Amino acid sequence: MRRLAKRRGIELTALALDPQLAIRTDPFHLQLVLATVIENLTEAMEEGGSIILRADGTPQEVTILLEAQGPKKAGWEEAAATMFATLQEVLAALQAGLAVSSPPAAQGVVVTISATAPAR
């Protein structure tokens, strides 16, 4: 995903708040969600922006934040709505939620993915 972002003039950085953090989930579906969100963010941002990916939580519930910093292209809200519709089935399989918001006092967007570990 870093190569895709770089080709579009966007810097992608992943920060580990807790390097031991792990969650039991479907890795294919989680990667699909992350790839879709990152692709949509890089399409919605102007060149020169950045995306910072952070994960935090517990083994029972992990929150992944993707903070896109920099100016957004016109129409990014419609792209976010399309992304929600596209990912509904995958999010349901992951028992995850997806939220998009604007960061306080910043020009960008924050995408939050919260995933709960499936019951055994």
PDB file of N, CA and C in Angstrom:
ATOM      1  N   MET A   1       0.827  -1.190   0.000  1.00  0.00           N
ATOM      2  CA  MET A   1       0.000   0.000   0.000  1.00  0.00           C
ATOM      3  C   MET A   1       0.871   1.254   0.000  1.00  0.00           C
ATOM      4  N   ARG A   2       2.076   1.135   0.573  1.00  0.00           N
ATOM      5  CA  ARG A   2       2.974   2.303   0.560  1.00  0.00           C
ATOM      6  C   ARG A   2       3.335   2.695  -0.871  1.00  0.00           C
ATOM      7  N   ARG A   3       3.568   1.697  -1.731  1.00  0.00           N
ATOM      8  CA  ARG A   3       3.903   2.005  -3.129  1.00  0.00           C
ATOM      9  C   ARG A   3       2.749   2.695  -3.834  1.00  0.00           C
ATOM     10  N   LEU A   4       1.530   2.217  -3.611  1.00  0.00           N
ATOM     11  CA  LEU A   4       0.358   2.852  -4.212  1.00  0.00           C
ATOM     12  C   LEU A   4       0.251   4.299  -3.758  1.00  0.00           C
ATOM     13  N   ALA A   5       0.386   4.522  -2.454  1.00  0.00           N
ATOM     14  CA  ALA A   5       0.296   5.875  -1.914  1.00  0.00           C
ATOM     15  C   ALA A   5       1.397   6.763  -2.487  1.00  0.00           C
ATOM     16  N   LYS A   6       2.600   6.238  -2.551  1.00  0.00           N
ATOM     17  CA  LYS A   6       3.734   7.018  -3.056  1.00  0.00           C
ATOM     18  C   LYS A   6       3.525   7.422  -4.512  1.00  0.00           C
ATOM     19  N   ARG A   7       2.981   6.503  -5.322  1.00  0.00           N
ATOM     20  CA  ARG A   7       2.694   6.831  -6.729  1.00  0.00           C
ATOM     21  C   ARG A   7       1.695   7.971  -6.842  1.00  0.00           C
ATOM     22  N   ARG A   8       0.834   8.101  -5.833  1.00  0.00           N
ATOM     23  CA  ARG A   8      -0.167   9.165  -5.859  1.00  0.00           C
ATOM     24  C   ARG A   8       0.302  10.409  -5.102  1.00  0.00           C
ATOM     25  N   GLY A   9       1.574  10.396  -4.672  1.00  0.00           N
ATOM     26  CA  GLY A   9       2.134  11.561  -4.000  1.00  0.00           C
ATOM     27  C   GLY A   9       1.735  11.681  -2.543  1.00  0.00           C
ATOM     28  N   ILE A  10       1.351  10.564  -1.921  1.00  0.00           N
ATOM     29  CA  ILE A  10       0.904  10.540  -0.528  1.00  0.00           C
ATOM     30  C   ILE A  10       1.881   9.687   0.273  1.00  0.00           C
ATOM     31  N   GLU A  11       2.265  10.157   1.458  1.00  0.00           N
ATOM     32  CA  GLU A  11       3.147   9.380   2.330  1.00  0.00           C
ATOM     33  C   GLU A  11       2.298   8.542   3.286  1.00  0.00           C
ATOM     34  N   LEU A  12       2.573   7.244   3.361  1.00  0.00           N
ATOM     35  CA  LEU A  12       1.857   6.329   4.248  1.00  0.00           C
ATOM     36  C   LEU A  12       2.808   5.849   5.338  1.00  0.00           C
ATOM     37  N   THR A  13       2.412   6.063   6.596  1.00  0.00           N
ATOM     38  CA  THR A  13       3.231   5.676   7.736  1.00  0.00           C
ATOM     39  C   THR A  13       2.394   4.834   8.690  1.00  0.00           C
ATOM     40  N   ALA A  14       2.996   3.771   9.226  1.00  0.00           N
ATOM     41  CA  ALA A  14       2.333   2.934  10.231  1.00  0.00           C
ATOM     42  C   ALA A  14       3.086   3.091  11.544  1.00  0.00           C
ATOM     43  N   LEU A  15       2.344   3.394  12.614  1.00  0.00           N
ATOM     44  CA  LEU A  15       2.930   3.550  13.939  1.00  0.00           C
ATOM     45  C   LEU A  15       2.402   2.470  14.860  1.00  0.00           C
ATOM     46  N   ALA A  16       3.283   1.823  15.581  1.00  0.00           N
ATOM     47  CA  ALA A  16       2.880   0.789  16.535  1.00  0.00           C
ATOM     48  C   ALA A  16       2.866   1.395  17.931  1.00  0.00           C
ATOM     49  N   LEU A  17       1.671   1.650  18.473  1.00  0.00           N
ATOM     50  CA  LEU A  17       1.572   2.151  19.839  1.00  0.00           C
ATOM     51  C   LEU A  17       1.922   1.059  20.831  1.00  0.00           C
ATOM     52  N   ASP A  18       1.530  -0.168  20.507  1.00  0.00           N
ATOM     53  CA  ASP A  18       1.840  -1.325  21.339  1.00  0.00           C
ATOM     54  C   ASP A  18       2.283  -2.452  20.412  1.00  0.00           C
ATOM     55  N   PRO A  19       3.589  -2.693  20.281  1.00  0.00           N
ATOM     56  CA  PRO A  19       4.055  -3.713  19.341  1.00  0.00           C
ATOM     57  C   PRO A  19       3.564  -5.124  19.663  1.00  0.00           C
ATOM     58  N   GLN A  20       3.070  -5.358  20.869  1.00  0.00           N
ATOM     59  CA  GLN A  20       2.574  -6.683  21.261  1.00  0.00           C
ATOM     60  C   GLN A  20       1.076  -6.856  20.987  1.00  0.00           C
ATOM     61  N   LEU A  21       0.415  -5.793  20.528  1.00  0.00           N
ATOM     62  CA  LEU A  21      -1.024  -5.848  20.282  1.00  0.00           C
ATOM     63  C   LEU A  21      -1.348  -6.851  19.188  1.00  0.00           C
ATOM     64  N   ALA A  22      -2.291  -7.732  19.466  1.00  0.00           N
ATOM     65  CA  ALA A  22      -2.722  -8.746  18.500  1.00  0.00           C
ATOM     66  C   ALA A  22      -4.221  -8.955  18.668  1.00  0.00           C
ATOM     67  N   ILE A  23      -4.878  -9.334  17.596  1.00  0.00           N
ATOM     68  CA  ILE A  23      -6.303  -9.655  17.659  1.00  0.00           C
ATOM     69  C   ILE A  23      -6.538 -10.891  16.799  1.00  0.00           C
ATOM     70  N   ARG A  24      -7.443 -11.726  17.255  1.00  0.00           N
ATOM     71  CA  ARG A  24      -7.822 -12.912  16.499  1.00  0.00           C
ATOM     72  C   ARG A  24      -8.958 -12.487  15.565  1.00  0.00           C
ATOM     73  N   THR A  25      -8.667 -12.506  14.259  1.00  0.00           N
ATOM     74  CA  THR A  25      -9.647 -12.074  13.276  1.00  0.00           C
ATOM     75  C   THR A  25      -9.350 -12.746  11.944  1.00  0.00           C
ATOM     76  N   ASP A  26     -10.133 -12.455  10.957  1.00  0.00           N
ATOM     77  CA  ASP A  26      -9.929 -12.962   9.606  1.00  0.00           C
ATOM     78  C   ASP A  26      -8.957 -12.016   8.898  1.00  0.00           C
ATOM     79  N   PRO A  27      -7.696 -12.412   8.720  1.00  0.00           N
ATOM     80  CA  PRO A  27      -6.707 -11.490   8.154  1.00  0.00           C
ATOM     81  C   PRO A  27      -7.030 -11.059   6.724  1.00  0.00           C
ATOM     82  N   PHE A  28      -7.631 -11.941   5.938  1.00  0.00           N
ATOM     83  CA  PHE A  28      -7.973 -11.577   4.563  1.00  0.00           C
ATOM     84  C   PHE A  28      -8.975 -10.425   4.542  1.00  0.00           C
ATOM     85  N   HIS A  29     -10.049 -10.552   5.318  1.00  0.00           N
ATOM     86  CA  HIS A  29     -11.064  -9.504   5.333  1.00  0.00           C
ATOM     87  C   HIS A  29     -10.524  -8.206   5.926  1.00  0.00           C
ATOM     88  N   LEU A  30      -9.707  -8.296   6.964  1.00  0.00           N
ATOM     89  CA  LEU A  30      -9.134  -7.084   7.553  1.00  0.00           C
ATOM     90  C   LEU A  30      -8.223  -6.387   6.547  1.00  0.00           C
ATOM     91  N   GLN A  31      -7.392  -7.157   5.838  1.00  0.00           N
ATOM     92  CA  GLN A  31      -6.534  -6.560   4.817  1.00  0.00           C
ATOM     93  C   GLN A  31      -7.358  -5.935   3.700  1.00  0.00           C
ATOM     94  N   LEU A  32      -8.455  -6.569   3.344  1.00  0.00           N
ATOM     95  CA  LEU A  32      -9.338  -6.020   2.318  1.00  0.00           C
ATOM     96  C   LEU A  32      -9.895  -4.667   2.757  1.00  0.00           C
ATOM     97  N   VAL A  33     -10.348  -4.578   4.000  1.00  0.00           N
ATOM     98  CA  VAL A  33     -10.878  -3.316   4.516  1.00  0.00           C
ATOM     99  C   VAL A  33      -9.789  -2.249   4.522  1.00  0.00           C
ATOM    100  N   LEU A  34      -8.616  -2.580   5.067  1.00  0.00           N
ATOM    101  CA  LEU A  34      -7.531  -1.599   5.133  1.00  0.00           C
ATOM    102  C   LEU A  34      -7.108  -1.140   3.743  1.00  0.00           C
ATOM    103  N   ALA A  35      -6.955  -2.076   2.819  1.00  0.00           N
ATOM    104  CA  ALA A  35      -6.549  -1.719   1.457  1.00  0.00           C
ATOM    105  C   ALA A  35      -7.597  -0.829   0.793  1.00  0.00           C
ATOM    106  N   THR A  36      -8.865  -1.142   0.975  1.00  0.00           N
ATOM    107  CA  THR A  36      -9.935  -0.337   0.382  1.00  0.00           C
ATOM    108  C   THR A  36      -9.939   1.069   0.962  1.00  0.00           C
ATOM    109  N   VAL A  37      -9.802   1.178   2.283  1.00  0.00           N
ATOM    110  CA  VAL A  37      -9.806   2.496   2.926  1.00  0.00           C
ATOM    111  C   VAL A  37      -8.590   3.306   2.477  1.00  0.00           C
ATOM    112  N   ILE A  38      -7.418   2.698   2.481  1.00  0.00           N
ATOM    113  CA  ILE A  38      -6.209   3.422   2.076  1.00  0.00           C
ATOM    114  C   ILE A  38      -6.302   3.859   0.617  1.00  0.00           C
ATOM    115  N   GLU A  39      -6.787   2.978  -0.240  1.00  0.00           N
ATOM    116  CA  GLU A  39      -6.950   3.343  -1.652  1.00  0.00           C
ATOM    117  C   GLU A  39      -7.910   4.515  -1.809  1.00  0.00           C
ATOM    118  N   ASN A  40      -9.038   4.473  -1.094  1.00  0.00           N
ATOM    119  CA  ASN A  40     -10.002   5.564  -1.179  1.00  0.00           C
ATOM    120  C   ASN A  40      -9.432   6.859  -0.630  1.00  0.00           C
ATOM    121  N   LEU A  41      -8.680   6.783   0.468  1.00  0.00           N
ATOM    122  CA  LEU A  41      -8.072   7.993   1.024  1.00  0.00           C
ATOM    123  C   LEU A  41      -7.064   8.599   0.053  1.00  0.00           C
ATOM    124  N   THR A  42      -6.225   7.758  -0.579  1.00  0.00           N
ATOM    125  CA  THR A  42      -5.238   8.304  -1.507  1.00  0.00           C
ATOM    126  C   THR A  42      -5.904   8.932  -2.731  1.00  0.00           C
ATOM    127  N   GLU A  43      -7.050   8.404  -3.120  1.00  0.00           N
ATOM    128  CA  GLU A  43      -7.792   8.996  -4.238  1.00  0.00           C
ATOM    129  C   GLU A  43      -8.453  10.312  -3.838  1.00  0.00           C
ATOM    130  N   ALA A  44      -8.813  10.441  -2.565  1.00  0.00           N
ATOM    131  CA  ALA A  44      -9.541  11.624  -2.094  1.00  0.00           C
ATOM    132  C   ALA A  44      -8.629  12.780  -1.696  1.00  0.00           C
ATOM    133  N   MET A  45      -7.323  12.514  -1.596  1.00  0.00           N
ATOM    134  CA  MET A  45      -6.397  13.533  -1.118  1.00  0.00           C
ATOM    135  C   MET A  45      -5.601  14.162  -2.249  1.00  0.00           C
ATOM    136  N   GLU A  46      -5.215  15.408  -2.009  1.00  0.00           N
ATOM    137  CA  GLU A  46      -4.324  16.094  -2.933  1.00  0.00           C
ATOM    138  C   GLU A  46      -2.908  15.561  -2.747  1.00  0.00           C
ATOM    139  N   GLU A  47      -2.113  15.643  -3.780  1.00  0.00           N
ATOM    140  CA  GLU A  47      -0.711  15.233  -3.713  1.00  0.00           C
ATOM    141  C   GLU A  47       0.007  16.021  -2.622  1.00  0.00           C
ATOM    142  N   GLY A  48       0.923  15.361  -1.928  1.00  0.00           N
ATOM    143  CA  GLY A  48       1.676  16.006  -0.857  1.00  0.00           C
ATOM    144  C   GLY A  48       1.121  15.726   0.523  1.00  0.00           C
ATOM    145  N   GLY A  49      -0.011  15.044   0.606  1.00  0.00           N
ATOM    146  CA  GLY A  49      -0.611  14.711   1.899  1.00  0.00           C
ATOM    147  C   GLY A  49       0.043  13.480   2.514  1.00  0.00           C
ATOM    148  N   SER A  50      -0.471  13.081   3.663  1.00  0.00           N
ATOM    149  CA  SER A  50       0.052  11.887   4.322  1.00  0.00           C
ATOM    150  C   SER A  50      -1.074  11.141   5.021  1.00  0.00           C
ATOM    151  N   ILE A  51      -0.866   9.852   5.208  1.00  0.00           N
ATOM    152  CA  ILE A  51      -1.798   8.997   5.946  1.00  0.00           C
ATOM    153  C   ILE A  51      -0.997   8.314   7.044  1.00  0.00           C
ATOM    154  N   ILE A  52      -1.485   8.425   8.269  1.00  0.00           N
ATOM    155  CA  ILE A  52      -0.839   7.771   9.402  1.00  0.00           C
ATOM    156  C   ILE A  52      -1.787   6.698   9.918  1.00  0.00           C
ATOM    157  N   LEU A  53      -1.298   5.461   9.965  1.00  0.00           N
ATOM    158  CA  LEU A  53      -2.079   4.327  10.453  1.00  0.00           C
ATOM    159  C   LEU A  53      -1.604   4.003  11.866  1.00  0.00           C
ATOM    160  N   ARG A  54      -2.560   3.951  12.804  1.00  0.00           N
ATOM    161  CA  ARG A  54      -2.254   3.603  14.199  1.00  0.00           C
ATOM    162  C   ARG A  54      -3.240   2.528  14.647  1.00  0.00           C
ATOM    163  N   ALA A  55      -2.776   1.617  15.487  1.00  0.00           N
ATOM    164  CA  ALA A  55      -3.660   0.605  16.072  1.00  0.00           C
ATOM    165  C   ALA A  55      -3.513   0.668  17.579  1.00  0.00           C
ATOM    166  N   ASP A  56      -4.636   0.526  18.282  1.00  0.00           N
ATOM    167  CA  ASP A  56      -4.639   0.560  19.739  1.00  0.00           C
ATOM    168  C   ASP A  56      -5.776  -0.320  20.225  1.00  0.00           C
ATOM    169  N   GLY A  57      -5.681  -0.804  21.445  1.00  0.00           N
ATOM    170  CA  GLY A  57      -6.781  -1.582  21.999  1.00  0.00           C
ATOM    171  C   GLY A  57      -6.302  -2.749  22.827  1.00  0.00           C
ATOM    172  N   THR A  58      -7.154  -3.761  22.856  1.00  0.00           N
ATOM    173  CA  THR A  58      -6.914  -4.982  23.609  1.00  0.00           C
ATOM    174  C   THR A  58      -7.092  -6.160  22.652  1.00  0.00           C
ATOM    175  N   PRO A  59      -6.729  -7.371  23.061  1.00  0.00           N
ATOM    176  CA  PRO A  59      -6.974  -8.519  22.182  1.00  0.00           C
ATOM    177  C   PRO A  59      -8.467  -8.731  21.879  1.00  0.00           C
ATOM    178  N   GLN A  60      -9.344  -8.198  22.716  1.00  0.00           N
ATOM    179  CA  GLN A  60     -10.781  -8.352  22.478  1.00  0.00           C
ATOM    180  C   GLN A  60     -11.333  -7.278  21.537  1.00  0.00           C
ATOM    181  N   GLU A  61     -10.716  -6.097  21.527  1.00  0.00           N
ATOM    182  CA  GLU A  61     -11.201  -5.036  20.643  1.00  0.00           C
ATOM    183  C   GLU A  61     -10.049  -4.137  20.236  1.00  0.00           C
ATOM    184  N   VAL A  62      -9.845  -4.015  18.950  1.00  0.00           N
ATOM    185  CA  VAL A  62      -8.776  -3.191  18.404  1.00  0.00           C
ATOM    186  C   VAL A  62      -9.395  -2.062  17.595  1.00  0.00           C
ATOM    187  N   THR A  63      -8.827  -0.874  17.751  1.00  0.00           N
ATOM    188  CA  THR A  63      -9.241   0.272  16.954  1.00  0.00           C
ATOM    189  C   THR A  63      -8.077   0.658  16.059  1.00  0.00           C
ATOM    190  N   ILE A  64      -8.350   0.727  14.784  1.00  0.00           N
ATOM    191  CA  ILE A  64      -7.347   1.137  13.804  1.00  0.00           C
ATOM    192  C   ILE A  64      -7.750   2.520  13.309  1.00  0.00           C
ATOM    193  N   LEU A  65      -6.856   3.481  13.492  1.00  0.00           N
ATOM    194  CA  LEU A  65      -7.109   4.844  13.035  1.00  0.00           C
ATOM    195  C   LEU A  65      -6.257   5.110  11.806  1.00  0.00           C
ATOM    196  N   LEU A  66      -6.875   5.633  10.783  1.00  0.00           N
ATOM    197  CA  LEU A  66      -6.155   6.073   9.595  1.00  0.00           C
ATOM    198  C   LEU A  66      -6.409   7.576   9.489  1.00  0.00           C
ATOM    199  N   GLU A  67      -5.400   8.351   9.797  1.00  0.00           N
ATOM    200  CA  GLU A  67      -5.543   9.809   9.767  1.00  0.00           C
ATOM    201  C   GLU A  67      -4.900  10.348   8.500  1.00  0.00           C
ATOM    202  N   ALA A  68      -5.716  10.922   7.641  1.00  0.00           N
ATOM    203  CA  ALA A  68      -5.237  11.518   6.400  1.00  0.00           C
ATOM    204  C   ALA A  68      -5.037  13.008   6.658  1.00  0.00           C
ATOM    205  N   GLN A  69      -3.817  13.455   6.476  1.00  0.00           N
ATOM    206  CA  GLN A  69      -3.481  14.853   6.721  1.00  0.00           C
ATOM    207  C   GLN A  69      -3.181  15.536   5.406  1.00  0.00           C
ATOM    208  N   GLY A  70      -3.787  16.692   5.228  1.00  0.00           N
ATOM    209  CA  GLY A  70      -3.588  17.448   3.997  1.00  0.00           C
ATOM    210  C   GLY A  70      -4.913  17.742   3.343  1.00  0.00           C
ATOM    211  N   PRO A  71      -4.899  18.553   2.298  1.00  0.00           N
ATOM    212  CA  PRO A  71      -6.144  18.935   1.633  1.00  0.00           C
ATOM    213  C   PRO A  71      -6.815  17.767   0.923  1.00  0.00           C
ATOM    214  N   LYS A  72      -8.130  17.769   0.991  1.00  0.00           N
ATOM    215  CA  LYS A  72      -8.928  16.743   0.321  1.00  0.00           C
ATOM    216  C   LYS A  72      -9.435  17.286  -1.007  1.00  0.00           C
ATOM    217  N   LYS A  73      -9.618  16.397  -1.962  1.00  0.00           N
ATOM    218  CA  LYS A  73     -10.207  16.771  -3.244  1.00  0.00           C
ATOM    219  C   LYS A  73     -11.706  16.979  -3.050  1.00  0.00           C
ATOM    220  N   ALA A  74     -12.296  17.761  -3.924  1.00  0.00           N
ATOM    221  CA  ALA A  74     -13.747  17.957  -3.889  1.00  0.00           C
ATOM    222  C   ALA A  74     -14.428  16.612  -4.124  1.00  0.00           C
ATOM    223  N   GLY A  75     -15.529  16.365  -3.415  1.00  0.00           N
ATOM    224  CA  GLY A  75     -16.295  15.139  -3.594  1.00  0.00           C
ATOM    225  C   GLY A  75     -15.824  13.969  -2.760  1.00  0.00           C
ATOM    226  N   TRP A  76     -14.934  14.202  -1.791  1.00  0.00           N
ATOM    227  CA  TRP A  76     -14.434  13.076  -0.984  1.00  0.00           C
ATOM    228  C   TRP A  76     -15.541  12.461  -0.147  1.00  0.00           C
ATOM    229  N   GLU A  77     -16.571  13.256   0.214  1.00  0.00           N
ATOM    230  CA  GLU A  77     -17.669  12.721   1.020  1.00  0.00           C
ATOM    231  C   GLU A  77     -18.432  11.644   0.266  1.00  0.00           C
ATOM    232  N   GLU A  78     -18.655  11.855  -1.034  1.00  0.00           N
ATOM    233  CA  GLU A  78     -19.353  10.860  -1.848  1.00  0.00           C
ATOM    234  C   GLU A  78     -18.526   9.584  -1.956  1.00  0.00           C
ATOM    235  N   ALA A  79     -17.205   9.736  -2.080  1.00  0.00           N
ATOM    236  CA  ALA A  79     -16.332   8.568  -2.147  1.00  0.00           C
ATOM    237  C   ALA A  79     -16.397   7.774  -0.847  1.00  0.00           C
ATOM    238  N   ALA A  80     -16.473   8.477   0.296  1.00  0.00           N
ATOM    239  CA  ALA A  80     -16.575   7.800   1.594  1.00  0.00           C
ATOM    240  C   ALA A  80     -17.885   7.023   1.685  1.00  0.00           C
ATOM    241  N   ALA A  81     -18.982   7.614   1.197  1.00  0.00           N
ATOM    242  CA  ALA A  81     -20.279   6.936   1.235  1.00  0.00           C
ATOM    243  C   ALA A  81     -20.246   5.666   0.381  1.00  0.00           C
ATOM    244  N   THR A  82     -19.611   5.737  -0.778  1.00  0.00           N
ATOM    245  CA  THR A  82     -19.488   4.568  -1.648  1.00  0.00           C
ATOM    246  C   THR A  82     -18.651   3.491  -0.969  1.00  0.00           C
ATOM    247  N   MET A  83     -17.589   3.920  -0.278  1.00  0.00           N
ATOM    248  CA  MET A  83     -16.722   2.977   0.430  1.00  0.00           C
ATOM    249  C   MET A  83     -17.514   2.232   1.500  1.00  0.00           C
ATOM    250  N   PHE A  84     -18.361   2.957   2.249  1.00  0.00           N
ATOM    251  CA  PHE A  84     -19.192   2.314   3.273  1.00  0.00           C
ATOM    252  C   PHE A  84     -20.058   1.234   2.655  1.00  0.00           C
ATOM    253  N   ALA A  85     -20.741   1.562   1.568  1.00  0.00           N
ATOM    254  CA  ALA A  85     -21.634   0.604   0.922  1.00  0.00           C
ATOM    255  C   ALA A  85     -20.871  -0.621   0.432  1.00  0.00           C
ATOM    256  N   THR A  86     -19.684  -0.410  -0.134  1.00  0.00           N
ATOM    257  CA  THR A  86     -18.869  -1.498  -0.660  1.00  0.00           C
ATOM    258  C   THR A  86     -18.414  -2.456   0.429  1.00  0.00           C
ATOM    259  N   LEU A  87     -18.120  -1.920   1.615  1.00  0.00           N
ATOM    260  CA  LEU A  87     -17.516  -2.722   2.677  1.00  0.00           C
ATOM    261  C   LEU A  87     -18.505  -3.306   3.692  1.00  0.00           C
ATOM    262  N   GLN A  88     -19.778  -3.051   3.564  1.00  0.00           N
ATOM    263  CA  GLN A  88     -20.743  -3.480   4.584  1.00  0.00           C
ATOM    264  C   GLN A  88     -20.690  -4.974   4.880  1.00  0.00           C
ATOM    265  N   GLU A  89     -20.666  -5.789   3.862  1.00  0.00           N
ATOM    266  CA  GLU A  89     -20.668  -7.238   4.051  1.00  0.00           C
ATOM    267  C   GLU A  89     -19.369  -7.708   4.723  1.00  0.00           C
ATOM    268  N   VAL A  90     -18.244  -7.150   4.298  1.00  0.00           N
ATOM    269  CA  VAL A  90     -16.953  -7.528   4.878  1.00  0.00           C
ATOM    270  C   VAL A  90     -16.873  -7.086   6.337  1.00  0.00           C
ATOM    271  N   LEU A  91     -17.342  -5.873   6.625  1.00  0.00           N
ATOM    272  CA  LEU A  91     -17.339  -5.378   8.008  1.00  0.00           C
ATOM    273  C   LEU A  91     -18.210  -6.255   8.899  1.00  0.00           C
ATOM    274  N   ALA A  92     -19.346  -6.696   8.391  1.00  0.00           N
ATOM    275  CA  ALA A  92     -20.221  -7.577   9.167  1.00  0.00           C
ATOM    276  C   ALA A  92     -19.512  -8.897   9.469  1.00  0.00           C
ATOM    277  N   ALA A  93     -18.789  -9.437   8.495  1.00  0.00           N
ATOM    278  CA  ALA A  93     -18.056 -10.691   8.710  1.00  0.00           C
ATOM    279  C   ALA A  93     -16.955 -10.514   9.758  1.00  0.00           C
ATOM    280  N   LEU A  94     -16.381  -9.326   9.814  1.00  0.00           N
ATOM    281  CA  LEU A  94     -15.327  -9.038  10.791  1.00  0.00           C
ATOM    282  C   LEU A  94     -15.867  -8.638  12.157  1.00  0.00           C
ATOM    283  N   GLN A  95     -17.172  -8.421  12.247  1.00  0.00           N
ATOM    284  CA  GLN A  95     -17.774  -7.847  13.448  1.00  0.00           C
ATOM    285  C   GLN A  95     -17.105  -6.505  13.754  1.00  0.00           C
ATOM    286  N   ALA A  96     -16.986  -5.679  12.705  1.00  0.00           N
ATOM    287  CA  ALA A  96     -16.284  -4.405  12.809  1.00  0.00           C
ATOM    288  C   ALA A  96     -17.179  -3.261  12.376  1.00  0.00           C
ATOM    289  N   GLY A  97     -16.842  -2.084  12.845  1.00  0.00           N
ATOM    290  CA  GLY A  97     -17.536  -0.873  12.448  1.00  0.00           C
ATOM    291  C   GLY A  97     -16.555   0.062  11.763  1.00  0.00           C
ATOM    292  N   LEU A  98     -17.083   0.986  10.981  1.00  0.00           N
ATOM    293  CA  LEU A  98     -16.267   1.938  10.245  1.00  0.00           C
ATOM    294  C   LEU A  98     -16.878   3.310  10.427  1.00  0.00           C
ATOM    295  N   ALA A  99     -16.053   4.303  10.764  1.00  0.00           N
ATOM    296  CA  ALA A  99     -16.532   5.665  10.937  1.00  0.00           C
ATOM    297  C   ALA A  99     -15.549   6.623  10.288  1.00  0.00           C
ATOM    298  N   VAL A 100     -16.065   7.689   9.689  1.00  0.00           N
ATOM    299  CA  VAL A 100     -15.239   8.712   9.071  1.00  0.00           C
ATOM    300  C   VAL A 100     -15.563  10.031   9.753  1.00  0.00           C
ATOM    301  N   SER A 101     -14.517  10.786  10.133  1.00  0.00           N
ATOM    302  CA  SER A 101     -14.725  12.083  10.764  1.00  0.00           C
ATOM    303  C   SER A 101     -13.607  13.032  10.373  1.00  0.00           C
ATOM    304  N   SER A 102     -13.790  14.302  10.671  1.00  0.00           N
ATOM    305  CA  SER A 102     -12.746  15.286  10.435  1.00  0.00           C
ATOM    306  C   SER A 102     -11.963  15.488  11.715  1.00  0.00           C
ATOM    307  N   PRO A 103     -10.637  15.530  11.608  1.00  0.00           N
ATOM    308  CA  PRO A 103      -9.843  15.741  12.821  1.00  0.00           C
ATOM    309  C   PRO A 103     -10.013  17.167  13.324  1.00  0.00           C
ATOM    310  N   PRO A 104      -9.962  17.371  14.628  1.00  0.00           N
ATOM    311  CA  PRO A 104     -10.099  18.724  15.155  1.00  0.00           C
ATOM    312  C   PRO A 104      -8.924  19.594  14.724  1.00  0.00           C
ATOM    313  N   ALA A 105      -9.222  20.786  14.261  1.00  0.00           N
ATOM    314  CA  ALA A 105      -8.214  21.789  13.892  1.00  0.00           C
ATOM    315  C   ALA A 105      -7.192  21.283  12.881  1.00  0.00           C
ATOM    316  N   ALA A 106      -7.628  20.445  11.973  1.00  0.00           N
ATOM    317  CA  ALA A 106      -6.707  19.947  10.950  1.00  0.00           C
ATOM    318  C   ALA A 106      -7.461  19.788   9.644  1.00  0.00           C
ATOM    319  N   GLN A 107      -6.711  19.843   8.559  1.00  0.00           N
ATOM    320  CA  GLN A 107      -7.313  19.653   7.257  1.00  0.00           C
ATOM    321  C   GLN A 107      -7.073  18.207   6.865  1.00  0.00           C
ATOM    322  N   GLY A 108      -8.085  17.387   6.947  1.00  0.00           N
ATOM    323  CA  GLY A 108      -7.922  15.978   6.631  1.00  0.00           C
ATOM    324  C   GLY A 108      -9.139  15.186   7.034  1.00  0.00           C
ATOM    325  N   VAL A 109      -8.931  13.905   7.247  1.00  0.00           N
ATOM    326  CA  VAL A 109     -10.027  13.008   7.603  1.00  0.00           C
ATOM    327  C   VAL A 109      -9.464  11.884   8.466  1.00  0.00           C
ATOM    328  N   VAL A 110     -10.282  11.394   9.402  1.00  0.00           N
ATOM    329  CA  VAL A 110      -9.894  10.264  10.243  1.00  0.00           C
ATOM    330  C   VAL A 110     -10.864   9.126   9.970  1.00  0.00           C
ATOM    331  N   VAL A 111     -10.334   7.960   9.642  1.00  0.00           N
ATOM    332  CA  VAL A 111     -11.162   6.775   9.445  1.00  0.00           C
ATOM    333  C   VAL A 111     -10.861   5.835  10.609  1.00  0.00           C
ATOM    334  N   THR A 112     -11.900   5.426  11.315  1.00  0.00           N
ATOM    335  CA  THR A 112     -11.746   4.551  12.469  1.00  0.00           C
ATOM    336  C   THR A 112     -12.384   3.205  12.166  1.00  0.00           C
ATOM    337  N   ILE A 113     -11.614   2.138  12.340  1.00  0.00           N
ATOM    338  CA  ILE A 113     -12.121   0.775  12.160  1.00  0.00           C
ATOM    339  C   ILE A 113     -12.016   0.099  13.519  1.00  0.00           C
ATOM    340  N   SER A 114     -13.146  -0.291  14.082  1.00  0.00           N
ATOM    341  CA  SER A 114     -13.141  -0.997  15.364  1.00  0.00           C
ATOM    342  C   SER A 114     -13.553  -2.438  15.117  1.00  0.00           C
ATOM    343  N   ALA A 115     -12.707  -3.362  15.537  1.00  0.00           N
ATOM    344  CA  ALA A 115     -12.967  -4.780  15.325  1.00  0.00           C
ATOM    345  C   ALA A 115     -12.992  -5.490  16.659  1.00  0.00           C
ATOM    346  N   THR A 116     -13.986  -6.337  16.845  1.00  0.00           N
ATOM    347  CA  THR A 116     -14.110  -7.139  18.053  1.00  0.00           C
ATOM    348  C   THR A 116     -13.746  -8.576  17.716  1.00  0.00           C
ATOM    349  N   ALA A 117     -12.957  -9.190  18.563  1.00  0.00           N
ATOM    350  CA  ALA A 117     -12.575 -10.587  18.339  1.00  0.00           C
ATOM    351  C   ALA A 117     -13.812 -11.460  18.374  1.00  0.00           C
ATOM    352  N   PRO A 118     -13.943 -12.419  17.446  1.00  0.00           N
ATOM    353  CA  PRO A 118     -15.119 -13.300  17.451  1.00  0.00           C
ATOM    354  C   PRO A 118     -15.134 -14.192  18.673  1.00  0.00           C
ATOM    355  N   ALA A 119     -16.337 -14.508  19.125  1.00  0.00           N
ATOM    356  CA  ALA A 119     -16.511 -15.391  20.275  1.00  0.00           C
ATOM    357  C   ALA A 119     -16.071 -16.802  19.896  1.00  0.00           C
ATOM    358  N   ARG A 120     -15.528 -17.507  20.844  1.00  0.00           N
ATOM    359  CA  ARG A 120     -15.088 -18.881  20.587  1.00  0.00           C
ATOM    360  C   ARG A 120     -16.163 -19.862  20.902  1.00  0.00           C
TER     361      ARG A 120
END
